[in-house]
PDB file of N, CA and C in Angstrom:
ATOM      1  N   MET A   1      96.138 144.624  96.914  1.00  0.00           N
ATOM      2  CA  MET A   1      94.795 144.439  97.380  1.00  0.00           C
ATOM      3  C   MET A   1      94.599 142.894  97.365  1.00  0.00           C
ATOM      4  N   HIS A   2      93.984 142.453  98.581  1.00  0.00           N
ATOM      5  CA  HIS A   2      93.721 141.055  98.905  1.00  0.00           C
ATOM      6  C   HIS A   2      92.305 140.744  98.559  1.00  0.00           C
ATOM      7  N   ARG A   3      92.051 139.622  97.908  1.00  0.00           N
ATOM      8  CA  ARG A   3      90.664 139.350  97.660  1.00  0.00           C
ATOM      9  C   ARG A   3      90.505 137.986  98.260  1.00  0.00           C
ATOM     10  N   GLU A   4      89.307 137.836  98.933  1.00  0.00           N
ATOM     11  CA  GLU A   4      89.003 136.588  99.506  1.00  0.00           C
ATOM     12  C   GLU A   4      88.336 135.586  98.464  1.00  0.00           C
ATOM     13  N   VAL A   5      88.772 134.444  98.370  1.00  0.00           N
ATOM     14  CA  VAL A   5      88.128 133.471  97.452  1.00  0.00           C
ATOM     15  C   VAL A   5      87.469 132.266  98.200  1.00  0.00           C
ATOM     16  N   SER A   6      86.280 132.126  97.838  1.00  0.00           N
ATOM     17  CA  SER A   6      85.471 131.074  98.567  1.00  0.00           C
ATOM     18  C   SER A   6      85.542 129.804  97.723  1.00  0.00           C
ATOM     19  N   VAL A   7      86.167 128.699  98.305  1.00  0.00           N
ATOM     20  CA  VAL A   7      86.147 127.433  97.605  1.00  0.00           C
ATOM     21  C   VAL A   7      85.582 126.498  98.435  1.00  0.00           C
ATOM     22  N   GLU A   8      84.603 125.629  97.930  1.00  0.00           N
ATOM     23  CA  GLU A   8      84.080 124.486  98.622  1.00  0.00           C
ATOM     24  C   GLU A   8      84.905 123.345  98.354  1.00  0.00           C
ATOM     25  N   ILE A   9      85.297 122.617  99.422  1.00  0.00           N
ATOM     26  CA  ILE A   9      86.153 121.544  99.341  1.00  0.00           C
ATOM     27  C   ILE A   9      85.088 120.344  99.714  1.00  0.00           C
ATOM     28  N   GLU A  10      85.113 119.312  98.763  1.00  0.00           N
ATOM     29  CA  GLU A  10      84.340 118.109  99.089  1.00  0.00           C
ATOM     30  C   GLU A  10      85.173 117.104  99.968  1.00  0.00           C
ATOM     31  N   PRO A  11      84.571 116.634 101.045  1.00  0.00           N
ATOM     32  CA  PRO A  11      85.268 115.752 101.969  1.00  0.00           C
ATOM     33  C   PRO A  11      85.697 114.446 101.161  1.00  0.00           C
ATOM     34  N   VAL A  12      86.836 114.038 101.271  1.00  0.00           N
ATOM     35  CA  VAL A  12      87.324 112.699 100.557  1.00  0.00           C
ATOM     36  C   VAL A  12      86.609 111.505 101.318  1.00  0.00           C
ATOM     37  N   LYS A  13      86.158 110.679 100.414  1.00  0.00           N
ATOM     38  CA  LYS A  13      85.444 109.622 100.953  1.00  0.00           C
ATOM     39  C   LYS A  13      86.337 108.470 100.862  1.00  0.00           C
ATOM     40  N   ASP A  14      86.640 107.807 102.121  1.00  0.00           N
ATOM     41  CA  ASP A  14      87.491 106.708 102.345  1.00  0.00           C
ATOM     42  C   ASP A  14      86.658 105.548 102.240  1.00  0.00           C
ATOM     43  N   SER A  15      87.035 104.537 101.269  1.00  0.00           N
ATOM     44  CA  SER A  15      86.234 103.349 100.944  1.00  0.00           C
ATOM     45  C   SER A  15      86.403 102.316 102.160  1.00  0.00           C
ATOM     46  N   ARG A  16      87.324 102.471 102.950  1.00  0.00           N
ATOM     47  CA  ARG A  16      87.465 101.592 104.060  1.00  0.00           C
ATOM     48  C   ARG A  16      86.647 102.020 105.206  1.00  0.00           C
ATOM     49  N   ARG A  17      85.595 101.341 105.459  1.00  0.00           N
ATOM     50  CA  ARG A  17      84.638 101.662 106.488  1.00  0.00           C
ATOM     51  C   ARG A  17      85.092 101.155 107.844  1.00  0.00           C
ATOM     52  N   PHE A  18      85.950 100.101 107.868  1.00  0.00           N
ATOM     53  CA  PHE A  18      86.322  99.392 109.139  1.00  0.00           C
ATOM     54  C   PHE A  18      87.825  99.357 109.182  1.00  0.00           C
ATOM     55  N   ASP A  19      88.343  99.580 110.274  1.00  0.00           N
ATOM     56  CA  ASP A  19      89.809  99.353 110.513  1.00  0.00           C
ATOM     57  C   ASP A  19      90.318  98.018 109.975  1.00  0.00           C
ATOM     58  N   ARG A  20      91.264  97.973 109.233  1.00  0.00           N
ATOM     59  CA  ARG A  20      91.832  96.598 108.874  1.00  0.00           C
ATOM     60  C   ARG A  20      93.056  96.188 109.738  1.00  0.00           C
ATOM     61  N   LYS A  21      93.146  94.788 109.982  1.00  0.00           N
ATOM     62  CA  LYS A  21      94.240  94.247 110.760  1.00  0.00           C
ATOM     63  C   LYS A  21      95.103  93.324 109.854  1.00  0.00           C
ATOM     64  N   LYS A  22      96.447  93.475 109.639  1.00  0.00           N
ATOM     65  CA  LYS A  22      97.089  92.615 108.971  1.00  0.00           C
ATOM     66  C   LYS A  22      97.105  91.355 109.653  1.00  0.00           C
ATOM     67  N   GLN A  23      96.604  90.255 108.914  1.00  0.00           N
ATOM     68  CA  GLN A  23      96.566  88.844 109.368  1.00  0.00           C
ATOM     69  C   GLN A  23      96.781  87.952 108.207  1.00  0.00           C
ATOM     70  N   ILE A  24      97.711  87.190 108.257  1.00  0.00           N
ATOM     71  CA  ILE A  24      98.055  86.301 107.123  1.00  0.00           C
ATOM     72  C   ILE A  24      97.759  84.826 107.384  1.00  0.00           C
ATOM     73  N   TYR A  25      96.816  84.250 106.716  1.00  0.00           N
ATOM     74  CA  TYR A  25      96.388  82.918 106.879  1.00  0.00           C
ATOM     75  C   TYR A  25      96.128  82.206 105.588  1.00  0.00           C
ATOM     76  N   ASP A  26      96.326  80.967 105.545  1.00  0.00           N
ATOM     77  CA  ASP A  26      95.992  80.101 104.255  1.00  0.00           C
ATOM     78  C   ASP A  26      94.511  79.951 104.230  1.00  0.00           C
ATOM     79  N   PHE A  27      93.928  79.927 102.935  1.00  0.00           N
ATOM     80  CA  PHE A  27      92.569  79.670 102.828  1.00  0.00           C
ATOM     81  C   PHE A  27      92.238  79.045 101.534  1.00  0.00           C
ATOM     82  N   VAL A  28      91.138  78.380 101.487  1.00  0.00           N
ATOM     83  CA  VAL A  28      90.641  77.767 100.208  1.00  0.00           C
ATOM     84  C   VAL A  28      89.195  78.371 100.073  1.00  0.00           C
ATOM     85  N   GLY A  29      88.897  78.752  98.826  1.00  0.00           N
ATOM     86  CA  GLY A  29      87.622  79.225  98.530  1.00  0.00           C
ATOM     87  C   GLY A  29      86.935  78.699  97.378  1.00  0.00           C
ATOM     88  N   ARG A  30      85.653  79.059  97.173  1.00  0.00           N
ATOM     89  CA  ARG A  30      84.803  78.539  96.104  1.00  0.00           C
ATOM     90  C   ARG A  30      83.939  79.546  95.546  1.00  0.00           C
ATOM     91  N   HIS A  31      83.812  79.550  94.354  1.00  0.00           N
ATOM     92  CA  HIS A  31      82.863  80.483  93.634  1.00  0.00           C
ATOM     93  C   HIS A  31      82.199  79.770  92.386  1.00  0.00           C
ATOM     94  N   CYS A  32      81.228  80.194  91.834  1.00  0.00           N
ATOM     95  CA  CYS A  32      80.518  79.465  90.637  1.00  0.00           C
ATOM     96  C   CYS A  32      80.880  80.422  89.504  1.00  0.00           C
ATOM     97  N   ASP A  33      81.216  79.804  88.374  1.00  0.00           N
ATOM     98  CA  ASP A  33      81.542  80.267  87.129  1.00  0.00           C
ATOM     99  C   ASP A  33      80.142  80.625  86.381  1.00  0.00           C
ATOM    100  N   SER A  34      80.355  81.354  85.250  1.00  0.00           N
ATOM    101  CA  SER A  34      79.219  81.598  84.552  1.00  0.00           C
ATOM    102  C   SER A  34      78.282  80.580  84.156  1.00  0.00           C
ATOM    103  N   SER A  35      78.670  79.355  84.095  1.00  0.00           N
ATOM    104  CA  SER A  35      77.862  78.164  83.780  1.00  0.00           C
ATOM    105  C   SER A  35      77.257  77.460  84.921  1.00  0.00           C
ATOM    106  N   GLY A  36      77.653  78.155  86.101  1.00  0.00           N
ATOM    107  CA  GLY A  36      77.053  77.553  87.388  1.00  0.00           C
ATOM    108  C   GLY A  36      77.856  76.553  88.039  1.00  0.00           C
ATOM    109  N   ARG A  37      79.100  76.100  87.376  1.00  0.00           N
ATOM    110  CA  ARG A  37      79.924  75.157  87.915  1.00  0.00           C
ATOM    111  C   ARG A  37      80.832  75.627  89.165  1.00  0.00           C
ATOM    112  N   ALA A  38      80.937  74.973  90.130  1.00  0.00           N
ATOM    113  CA  ALA A  38      81.744  75.442  91.333  1.00  0.00           C
ATOM    114  C   ALA A  38      83.150  75.463  90.897  1.00  0.00           C
ATOM    115  N   ARG A  39      83.918  76.510  91.214  1.00  0.00           N
ATOM    116  CA  ARG A  39      85.330  76.612  91.061  1.00  0.00           C
ATOM    117  C   ARG A  39      86.121  76.923  92.274  1.00  0.00           C
ATOM    118  N   LEU A  40      87.254  76.262  92.511  1.00  0.00           N
ATOM    119  CA  LEU A  40      88.020  76.333  93.578  1.00  0.00           C
ATOM    120  C   LEU A  40      89.113  77.443  93.341  1.00  0.00           C
ATOM    121  N   PHE A  41      89.523  78.147  94.386  1.00  0.00           N
ATOM    122  CA  PHE A  41      90.740  79.025  94.373  1.00  0.00           C
ATOM    123  C   PHE A  41      91.267  78.971  95.849  1.00  0.00           C
ATOM    124  N   SER A  42      92.521  79.482  95.727  1.00  0.00           N
ATOM    125  CA  SER A  42      93.332  79.362  97.108  1.00  0.00           C
ATOM    126  C   SER A  42      94.304  80.373  97.206  1.00  0.00           C
ATOM    127  N   GLY A  43      94.843  80.794  98.350  1.00  0.00           N
ATOM    128  CA  GLY A  43      95.832  81.875  98.526  1.00  0.00           C
ATOM    129  C   GLY A  43      95.995  81.968 100.019  1.00  0.00           C
ATOM    130  N   ARG A  44      96.255  83.399 100.330  1.00  0.00           N
ATOM    131  CA  ARG A  44      96.492  83.834 101.599  1.00  0.00           C
ATOM    132  C   ARG A  44      95.683  85.020 101.903  1.00  0.00           C
ATOM    133  N   THR A  45      95.350  85.151 103.083  1.00  0.00           N
ATOM    134  CA  THR A  45      94.620  86.581 103.496  1.00  0.00           C
ATOM    135  C   THR A  45      95.668  87.568 103.641  1.00  0.00           C
ATOM    136  N   SER A  46      95.447  88.838 103.440  1.00  0.00           N
ATOM    137  CA  SER A  46      96.453  89.944 103.653  1.00  0.00           C
ATOM    138  C   SER A  46      95.949  90.789 104.920  1.00  0.00           C
ATOM    139  N   ASP A  47      94.698  90.935 105.042  1.00  0.00           N
ATOM    140  CA  ASP A  47      94.193  91.617 106.157  1.00  0.00           C
ATOM    141  C   ASP A  47      92.620  91.312 106.353  1.00  0.00           C
ATOM    142  N   ILE A  48      92.325  91.534 107.632  1.00  0.00           N
ATOM    143  CA  ILE A  48      90.818  91.366 107.907  1.00  0.00           C
ATOM    144  C   ILE A  48      90.331  92.513 108.663  1.00  0.00           C
ATOM    145  N   SER A  49      89.015  92.614 108.738  1.00  0.00           N
ATOM    146  CA  SER A  49      88.316  93.697 109.386  1.00  0.00           C
ATOM    147  C   SER A  49      86.986  93.136 109.900  1.00  0.00           C
ATOM    148  N   LEU A  50      86.186  93.978 110.586  1.00  0.00           N
ATOM    149  CA  LEU A  50      84.896  93.487 111.152  1.00  0.00           C
ATOM    150  C   LEU A  50      84.010  92.972 109.996  1.00  0.00           C
ATOM    151  N   ARG A  51      84.091  93.554 108.796  1.00  0.00           N
ATOM    152  CA  ARG A  51      83.073  93.257 107.813  1.00  0.00           C
ATOM    153  C   ARG A  51      83.787  92.670 106.536  1.00  0.00           C
ATOM    154  N   GLY A  52      84.990  92.404 106.438  1.00  0.00           N
ATOM    155  CA  GLY A  52      85.625  91.852 105.274  1.00  0.00           C
ATOM    156  C   GLY A  52      87.023  91.385 105.450  1.00  0.00           C
ATOM    157  N   LEU A  53      87.616  91.029 104.193  1.00  0.00           N
ATOM    158  CA  LEU A  53      89.075  90.623 104.316  1.00  0.00           C
ATOM    159  C   LEU A  53      89.590  90.970 102.935  1.00  0.00           C
ATOM    160  N   GLY A  54      90.971  90.969 102.940  1.00  0.00           N
ATOM    161  CA  GLY A  54      91.647  91.223 101.771  1.00  0.00           C
ATOM    162  C   GLY A  54      92.356  89.942 101.429  1.00  0.00           C
ATOM    163  N   ILE A  55      92.423  89.453 100.273  1.00  0.00           N
ATOM    164  CA  ILE A  55      93.077  88.128  99.904  1.00  0.00           C
ATOM    165  C   ILE A  55      93.919  88.203  98.702  1.00  0.00           C
ATOM    166  N   LEU A  56      94.933  87.311  98.728  1.00  0.00           N
ATOM    167  CA  LEU A  56      95.764  87.269  97.550  1.00  0.00           C
ATOM    168  C   LEU A  56      95.613  85.873  97.056  1.00  0.00           C
ATOM    169  N   ILE A  57      95.341  85.754  95.600  1.00  0.00           N
ATOM    170  CA  ILE A  57      95.047  84.526  95.065  1.00  0.00           C
ATOM    171  C   ILE A  57      96.170  84.075  93.962  1.00  0.00           C
ATOM    172  N   ASP A  58      96.554  82.880  93.977  1.00  0.00           N
ATOM    173  CA  ASP A  58      97.475  82.447  92.840  1.00  0.00           C
ATOM    174  C   ASP A  58      96.853  81.115  92.407  1.00  0.00           C
ATOM    175  N   SER A  59      95.895  81.277  91.523  1.00  0.00           N
ATOM    176  CA  SER A  59      95.170  80.091  91.082  1.00  0.00           C
ATOM    177  C   SER A  59      94.787  80.286  89.661  1.00  0.00           C
ATOM    178  N   LYS A  60      94.285  79.087  89.078  1.00  0.00           N
ATOM    179  CA  LYS A  60      93.830  79.376  87.640  1.00  0.00           C
ATOM    180  C   LYS A  60      92.356  80.033  87.523  1.00  0.00           C
ATOM    181  N   ASP A  61      91.627  79.767  88.512  1.00  0.00           N
ATOM    182  CA  ASP A  61      90.242  80.337  88.503  1.00  0.00           C
ATOM    183  C   ASP A  61      90.277  81.465  89.710  1.00  0.00           C
ATOM    184  N   VAL A  62      89.831  82.594  89.193  1.00  0.00           N
ATOM    185  CA  VAL A  62      89.811  83.880  90.167  1.00  0.00           C
ATOM    186  C   VAL A  62      88.384  84.430  90.120  1.00  0.00           C
ATOM    187  N   PRO A  63      87.616  84.531  91.009  1.00  0.00           N
ATOM    188  CA  PRO A  63      86.389  85.225  91.055  1.00  0.00           C
ATOM    189  C   PRO A  63      86.374  86.648  90.534  1.00  0.00           C
ATOM    190  N   GLY A  64      85.367  87.019  89.986  1.00  0.00           N
ATOM    191  CA  GLY A  64      85.331  88.452  89.485  1.00  0.00           C
ATOM    192  C   GLY A  64      84.556  89.388  90.443  1.00  0.00           C
ATOM    193  N   GLU A  65      84.607  90.646  90.148  1.00  0.00           N
ATOM    194  CA  GLU A  65      83.736  91.622  90.980  1.00  0.00           C
ATOM    195  C   GLU A  65      82.322  91.154  90.900  1.00  0.00           C
ATOM    196  N   GLY A  66      81.779  91.317  92.220  1.00  0.00           N
ATOM    197  CA  GLY A  66      80.423  90.980  92.311  1.00  0.00           C
ATOM    198  C   GLY A  66      80.059  89.496  92.626  1.00  0.00           C
ATOM    199  N   ASP A  67      81.072  88.689  92.343  1.00  0.00           N
ATOM    200  CA  ASP A  67      80.836  87.185  92.567  1.00  0.00           C
ATOM    201  C   ASP A  67      80.626  86.799  94.182  1.00  0.00           C
ATOM    202  N   THR A  68      79.748  85.859  94.399  1.00  0.00           N
ATOM    203  CA  THR A  68      79.513  85.480  95.697  1.00  0.00           C
ATOM    204  C   THR A  68      80.652  84.282  95.842  1.00  0.00           C
ATOM    205  N   VAL A  69      81.251  84.399  97.120  1.00  0.00           N
ATOM    206  CA  VAL A  69      82.431  83.433  97.412  1.00  0.00           C
ATOM    207  C   VAL A  69      82.183  82.855  98.787  1.00  0.00           C
ATOM    208  N   ASP A  70      82.666  81.622  99.047  1.00  0.00           N
ATOM    209  CA  ASP A  70      82.664  81.072 100.406  1.00  0.00           C
ATOM    210  C   ASP A  70      84.156  80.667 100.608  1.00  0.00           C
ATOM    211  N   VAL A  71      84.586  81.076 101.722  1.00  0.00           N
ATOM    212  CA  VAL A  71      86.068  80.988 102.041  1.00  0.00           C
ATOM    213  C   VAL A  71      86.223  80.176 103.451  1.00  0.00           C
ATOM    214  N   ARG A  72      87.148  79.297 103.365  1.00  0.00           N
ATOM    215  CA  ARG A  72      87.575  78.656 104.653  1.00  0.00           C
ATOM    216  C   ARG A  72      88.996  78.986 105.009  1.00  0.00           C
ATOM    217  N   ILE A  73      89.004  79.443 106.210  1.00  0.00           N
ATOM    218  CA  ILE A  73      90.315  80.210 106.667  1.00  0.00           C
ATOM    219  C   ILE A  73      90.906  79.345 107.587  1.00  0.00           C
ATOM    220  N   ARG A  74      92.151  78.872 107.500  1.00  0.00           N
ATOM    221  CA  ARG A  74      92.854  77.999 108.515  1.00  0.00           C
ATOM    222  C   ARG A  74      93.558  78.931 109.401  1.00  0.00           C
ATOM    223  N   VAL A  75      93.113  79.180 110.563  1.00  0.00           N
ATOM    224  CA  VAL A  75      93.826  79.894 111.710  1.00  0.00           C
ATOM    225  C   VAL A  75      94.765  78.978 112.405  1.00  0.00           C
ATOM    226  N   PHE A  76      94.164  77.881 112.991  1.00  0.00           N
ATOM    227  CA  PHE A  76      94.930  77.023 113.665  1.00  0.00           C
ATOM    228  C   PHE A  76      94.842  75.735 113.098  1.00  0.00           C
ATOM    229  N   ASP A  77      95.889  74.699 113.164  1.00  0.00           N
ATOM    230  CA  ASP A  77      95.919  73.488 112.454  1.00  0.00           C
ATOM    231  C   ASP A  77      94.946  72.627 113.380  1.00  0.00           C
ATOM    232  N   ASP A  78      94.824  72.818 114.730  1.00  0.00           N
ATOM    233  CA  ASP A  78      93.910  71.880 115.633  1.00  0.00           C
ATOM    234  C   ASP A  78      92.516  72.285 115.676  1.00  0.00           C
ATOM    235  N   GLU A  79      92.114  73.354 115.017  1.00  0.00           N
ATOM    236  CA  GLU A  79      90.716  73.908 115.063  1.00  0.00           C
ATOM    237  C   GLU A  79      90.039  73.874 113.668  1.00  0.00           C
ATOM    238  N   PRO A  80      88.793  73.780 113.623  1.00  0.00           N
ATOM    239  CA  PRO A  80      88.107  73.734 112.355  1.00  0.00           C
ATOM    240  C   PRO A  80      88.300  75.186 111.632  1.00  0.00           C
ATOM    241  N   PRO A  81      88.180  75.232 110.265  1.00  0.00           N
ATOM    242  CA  PRO A  81      88.464  76.503 109.716  1.00  0.00           C
ATOM    243  C   PRO A  81      87.425  77.352 109.808  1.00  0.00           C
ATOM    244  N   LEU A  82      87.642  78.710 109.865  1.00  0.00           N
ATOM    245  CA  LEU A  82      86.525  79.698 109.915  1.00  0.00           C
ATOM    246  C   LEU A  82      85.858  79.650 108.372  1.00  0.00           C
ATOM    247  N   LYS A  83      84.621  79.756 108.404  1.00  0.00           N
ATOM    248  CA  LYS A  83      83.798  79.661 107.215  1.00  0.00           C
ATOM    249  C   LYS A  83      82.940  80.794 107.012  1.00  0.00           C
ATOM    250  N   VAL A  84      83.434  81.633 106.017  1.00  0.00           N
ATOM    251  CA  VAL A  84      82.947  82.919 105.749  1.00  0.00           C
ATOM    252  C   VAL A  84      82.305  82.996 104.435  1.00  0.00           C
ATOM    253  N   VAL A  85      81.198  83.817 104.152  1.00  0.00           N
ATOM    254  CA  VAL A  85      80.558  83.958 102.941  1.00  0.00           C
ATOM    255  C   VAL A  85      80.567  85.560 102.664  1.00  0.00           C
ATOM    256  N   GLY A  86      80.751  85.853 101.336  1.00  0.00           N
ATOM    257  CA  GLY A  86      80.834  87.224 101.006  1.00  0.00           C
ATOM    258  C   GLY A  86      80.919  87.414  99.601  1.00  0.00           C
ATOM    259  N   PHE A  87      81.028  88.720  99.165  1.00  0.00           N
ATOM    260  CA  PHE A  87      81.025  88.970  97.713  1.00  0.00           C
ATOM    261  C   PHE A  87      82.268  89.740  97.411  1.00  0.00           C
ATOM    262  N   VAL A  88      82.791  89.593  96.203  1.00  0.00           N
ATOM    263  CA  VAL A  88      83.962  90.427  95.708  1.00  0.00           C
ATOM    264  C   VAL A  88      83.560  91.876  95.420  1.00  0.00           C
ATOM    265  N   CYS A  89      84.153  92.821  96.283  1.00  0.00           N
ATOM    266  CA  CYS A  89      84.006  94.145  96.138  1.00  0.00           C
ATOM    267  C   CYS A  89      84.884  94.723  95.002  1.00  0.00           C
ATOM    268  N   TRP A  90      86.201  94.325  95.131  1.00  0.00           N
ATOM    269  CA  TRP A  90      87.082  94.810  94.015  1.00  0.00           C
ATOM    270  C   TRP A  90      88.110  93.748  93.616  1.00  0.00           C
ATOM    271  N   ARG A  91      88.779  93.882  92.589  1.00  0.00           N
ATOM    272  CA  ARG A  91      89.708  92.881  92.189  1.00  0.00           C
ATOM    273  C   ARG A  91      90.829  93.635  91.426  1.00  0.00           C
ATOM    274  N   ARG A  92      92.043  93.305  91.610  1.00  0.00           N
ATOM    275  CA  ARG A  92      93.290  93.743  90.966  1.00  0.00           C
ATOM    276  C   ARG A  92      94.045  92.662  90.470  1.00  0.00           C
ATOM    277  N   ASN A  93      94.123  92.550  89.088  1.00  0.00           N
ATOM    278  CA  ASN A  93      94.860  91.362  88.576  1.00  0.00           C
ATOM    279  C   ASN A  93      96.275  91.617  88.333  1.00  0.00           C
ATOM    280  N   GLU A  94      97.099  90.601  88.453  1.00  0.00           N
ATOM    281  CA  GLU A  94      98.494  90.604  88.142  1.00  0.00           C
ATOM    282  C   GLU A  94      98.723  89.319  87.392  1.00  0.00           C
ATOM    283  N   GLU A  95      98.815  89.330  86.120  1.00  0.00           N
ATOM    284  CA  GLU A  95      99.013  88.165  85.275  1.00  0.00           C
ATOM    285  C   GLU A  95     100.467  87.639  85.402  1.00  0.00           C
ATOM    286  N   SER A  96     100.551  86.251  85.440  1.00  0.00           N
ATOM    287  CA  SER A  96     101.812  85.650  85.491  1.00  0.00           C
ATOM    288  C   SER A  96     101.737  84.395  84.766  1.00  0.00           C
ATOM    289  N   GLY A  97     101.971  84.332  83.395  1.00  0.00           N
ATOM    290  CA  GLY A  97     101.722  82.950  82.782  1.00  0.00           C
ATOM    291  C   GLY A  97     100.474  82.427  82.795  1.00  0.00           C
ATOM    292  N   GLU A  98     100.371  81.148  82.932  1.00  0.00           N
ATOM    293  CA  GLU A  98      99.109  80.399  82.862  1.00  0.00           C
ATOM    294  C   GLU A  98      98.267  80.595  84.137  1.00  0.00           C
ATOM    295  N   ARG A  99      98.944  80.816  85.322  1.00  0.00           N
ATOM    296  CA  ARG A  99      98.164  80.984  86.545  1.00  0.00           C
ATOM    297  C   ARG A  99      97.913  82.565  86.780  1.00  0.00           C
ATOM    298  N   LYS A 100      96.931  82.824  87.319  1.00  0.00           N
ATOM    299  CA  LYS A 100      96.466  84.165  87.533  1.00  0.00           C
ATOM    300  C   LYS A 100      96.850  84.578  89.128  1.00  0.00           C
ATOM    301  N   LYS A 101      97.392  85.726  89.219  1.00  0.00           N
ATOM    302  CA  LYS A 101      97.472  86.309  90.635  1.00  0.00           C
ATOM    303  C   LYS A 101      96.573  87.409  90.701  1.00  0.00           C
ATOM    304  N   ALA A 102      95.845  87.652  91.859  1.00  0.00           N
ATOM    305  CA  ALA A 102      94.914  88.657  91.901  1.00  0.00           C
ATOM    306  C   ALA A 102      94.800  88.975  93.473  1.00  0.00           C
ATOM    307  N   ARG A 103      94.527  90.328  93.652  1.00  0.00           N
ATOM    308  CA  ARG A 103      94.170  90.756  95.118  1.00  0.00           C
ATOM    309  C   ARG A 103      92.689  91.036  94.965  1.00  0.00           C
ATOM    310  N   LEU A 104      91.993  90.602  96.065  1.00  0.00           N
ATOM    311  CA  LEU A 104      90.404  90.791  96.000  1.00  0.00           C
ATOM    312  C   LEU A 104      90.248  91.459  97.226  1.00  0.00           C
ATOM    313  N   GLY A 105      89.103  92.163  97.509  1.00  0.00           N
ATOM    314  CA  GLY A 105      88.534  92.733  98.643  1.00  0.00           C
ATOM    315  C   GLY A 105      87.079  91.915  98.705  1.00  0.00           C
ATOM    316  N   ILE A 106      87.027  91.257  99.889  1.00  0.00           N
ATOM    317  CA  ILE A 106      85.741  90.531 100.104  1.00  0.00           C
ATOM    318  C   ILE A 106      84.928  91.241 101.166  1.00  0.00           C
ATOM    319  N   GLU A 107      83.596  91.538 100.878  1.00  0.00           N
ATOM    320  CA  GLU A 107      82.756  92.129 101.982  1.00  0.00           C
ATOM    321  C   GLU A 107      82.096  90.829 102.528  1.00  0.00           C
ATOM    322  N   LEU A 108      82.097  90.676 103.839  1.00  0.00           N
ATOM    323  CA  LEU A 108      81.303  89.581 104.475  1.00  0.00           C
ATOM    324  C   LEU A 108      79.898  89.780 104.470  1.00  0.00           C
ATOM    325  N   THR A 109      79.122  88.713 104.113  1.00  0.00           N
ATOM    326  CA  THR A 109      77.682  88.789 104.281  1.00  0.00           C
ATOM    327  C   THR A 109      77.116  87.683 105.055  1.00  0.00           C
ATOM    328  N   GLY A 110      78.014  86.816 105.604  1.00  0.00           N
ATOM    329  CA  GLY A 110      77.556  85.731 106.515  1.00  0.00           C
ATOM    330  C   GLY A 110      78.750  84.860 106.865  1.00  0.00           C
ATOM    331  N   MET A 111      78.337  83.899 107.865  1.00  0.00           N
ATOM    332  CA  MET A 111      79.314  82.852 108.272  1.00  0.00           C
ATOM    333  C   MET A 111      78.512  81.553 108.243  1.00  0.00           C
ATOM    334  N   THR A 112      79.166  80.415 107.679  1.00  0.00           N
ATOM    335  CA  THR A 112      78.506  79.150 107.782  1.00  0.00           C
ATOM    336  C   THR A 112      78.041  78.728 109.017  1.00  0.00           C
ATOM    337  N   ASP A 113      79.112  78.797 110.000  1.00  0.00           N
ATOM    338  CA  ASP A 113      78.812  78.219 111.370  1.00  0.00           C
ATOM    339  C   ASP A 113      78.921  79.630 112.242  1.00  0.00           C
ATOM    340  N   PRO A 114      77.755  80.428 112.250  1.00  0.00           N
ATOM    341  CA  PRO A 114      77.883  81.699 112.881  1.00  0.00           C
ATOM    342  C   PRO A 114      78.313  81.842 114.230  1.00  0.00           C
ATOM    343  N   VAL A 115      77.977  80.978 115.234  1.00  0.00           N
ATOM    344  CA  VAL A 115      78.466  81.074 116.527  1.00  0.00           C
ATOM    345  C   VAL A 115      79.922  80.931 116.629  1.00  0.00           C
ATOM    346  N   TYR A 116      80.327  79.764 116.168  1.00  0.00           N
ATOM    347  CA  TYR A 116      81.865  79.638 116.350  1.00  0.00           C
ATOM    348  C   TYR A 116      82.598  80.686 115.542  1.00  0.00           C
ATOM    349  N   SER A 117      82.322  80.824 114.210  1.00  0.00           N
ATOM    350  CA  SER A 117      83.089  81.609 113.334  1.00  0.00           C
ATOM    351  C   SER A 117      83.031  82.959 113.657  1.00  0.00           C
ATOM    352  N   TYR A 118      82.096  83.481 114.144  1.00  0.00           N
ATOM    353  CA  TYR A 118      81.900  84.968 114.553  1.00  0.00           C
ATOM    354  C   TYR A 118      82.632  85.261 115.763  1.00  0.00           C
ATOM    355  N   ARG A 119      82.503  84.368 116.756  1.00  0.00           N
ATOM    356  CA  ARG A 119      83.373  84.497 118.044  1.00  0.00           C
ATOM    357  C   ARG A 119      84.765  84.526 117.775  1.00  0.00           C
ATOM    358  N   ARG A 120      85.239  83.580 116.875  1.00  0.00           N
ATOM    359  CA  ARG A 120      86.694  83.415 116.555  1.00  0.00           C
ATOM    360  C   ARG A 120      87.137  84.547 115.835  1.00  0.00           C
ATOM    361  N   TRP A 121      86.218  85.191 114.877  1.00  0.00           N
ATOM    362  CA  TRP A 121      86.673  86.372 113.931  1.00  0.00           C
ATOM    363  C   TRP A 121      86.847  87.466 114.926  1.00  0.00           C
ATOM    364  N   LEU A 122      85.954  87.753 116.001  1.00  0.00           N
ATOM    365  CA  LEU A 122      86.117  88.819 116.865  1.00  0.00           C
ATOM    366  C   LEU A 122      87.453  88.711 117.683  1.00  0.00           C
ATOM    367  N   GLU A 123      87.656  87.466 118.163  1.00  0.00           N
ATOM    368  CA  GLU A 123      88.936  87.230 118.846  1.00  0.00           C
ATOM    369  C   GLU A 123      90.129  87.592 118.165  1.00  0.00           C
ATOM    370  N   ILE A 124      90.181  87.089 116.784  1.00  0.00           N
ATOM    371  CA  ILE A 124      91.328  87.505 115.932  1.00  0.00           C
ATOM    372  C   ILE A 124      91.575  88.976 115.843  1.00  0.00           C
ATOM    373  N   LEU A 125      90.410  89.747 115.590  1.00  0.00           N
ATOM    374  CA  LEU A 125      90.472  91.135 115.513  1.00  0.00           C
ATOM    375  C   LEU A 125      91.127  91.786 116.617  1.00  0.00           C
ATOM    376  N   THR A 126      90.951  91.162 117.878  1.00  0.00           N
ATOM    377  CA  THR A 126      91.585  91.923 119.058  1.00  0.00           C
ATOM    378  C   THR A 126      92.878  91.428 119.442  1.00  0.00           C
ATOM    379  N   TRP A 127      93.527  90.406 118.672  1.00  0.00           N
ATOM    380  CA  TRP A 127      94.914  90.075 118.970  1.00  0.00           C
ATOM    381  C   TRP A 127      95.707  91.149 118.512  1.00  0.00           C
ATOM    382  N   ASN A 128      96.924  91.275 119.259  1.00  0.00           N
ATOM    383  CA  ASN A 128      97.998  92.341 118.958  1.00  0.00           C
ATOM    384  C   ASN A 128      98.844  91.991 117.886  1.00  0.00           C
TER     385      ASN A 128
END
C-alpha cells in the first residue's frame, strides 16, 4: 500500500544577491578602530559585483564585521584608483603568526568620486 506524504520544502536562500565576477586588483583600505583611530589594511580583491566585493587581507589590522571601510582599488597604473565605501558583511579569519589573514565581504554603500568610480566599476563588470 502506497501512502502519499506531504512535505513542505523551504526554498534555499542564497546570500549572493548579485552575480560576482572574479577580478584581482591590489587595494589599500582604511577603517576606524574602537578608539576612533584610523587603521590601514591592504590586500587584493577576489571578486566584485554590482553592490560589493570580496577581499583578501594580509595585514596587522583587519576590520571586523559591521565596520565601515573605505577602499582604494588600483585597476590601472595610469588612472586614479577607484574609491569605494562600504561595510564588512562577513569575515573569515586565517591566523598566521603576527600578521592576520582574512577574507572579507564588503557591501558597497557609496563611492567617493561617484561619477568616475561608478562608471569605471560598471565597465569592469562588463569585461570578459
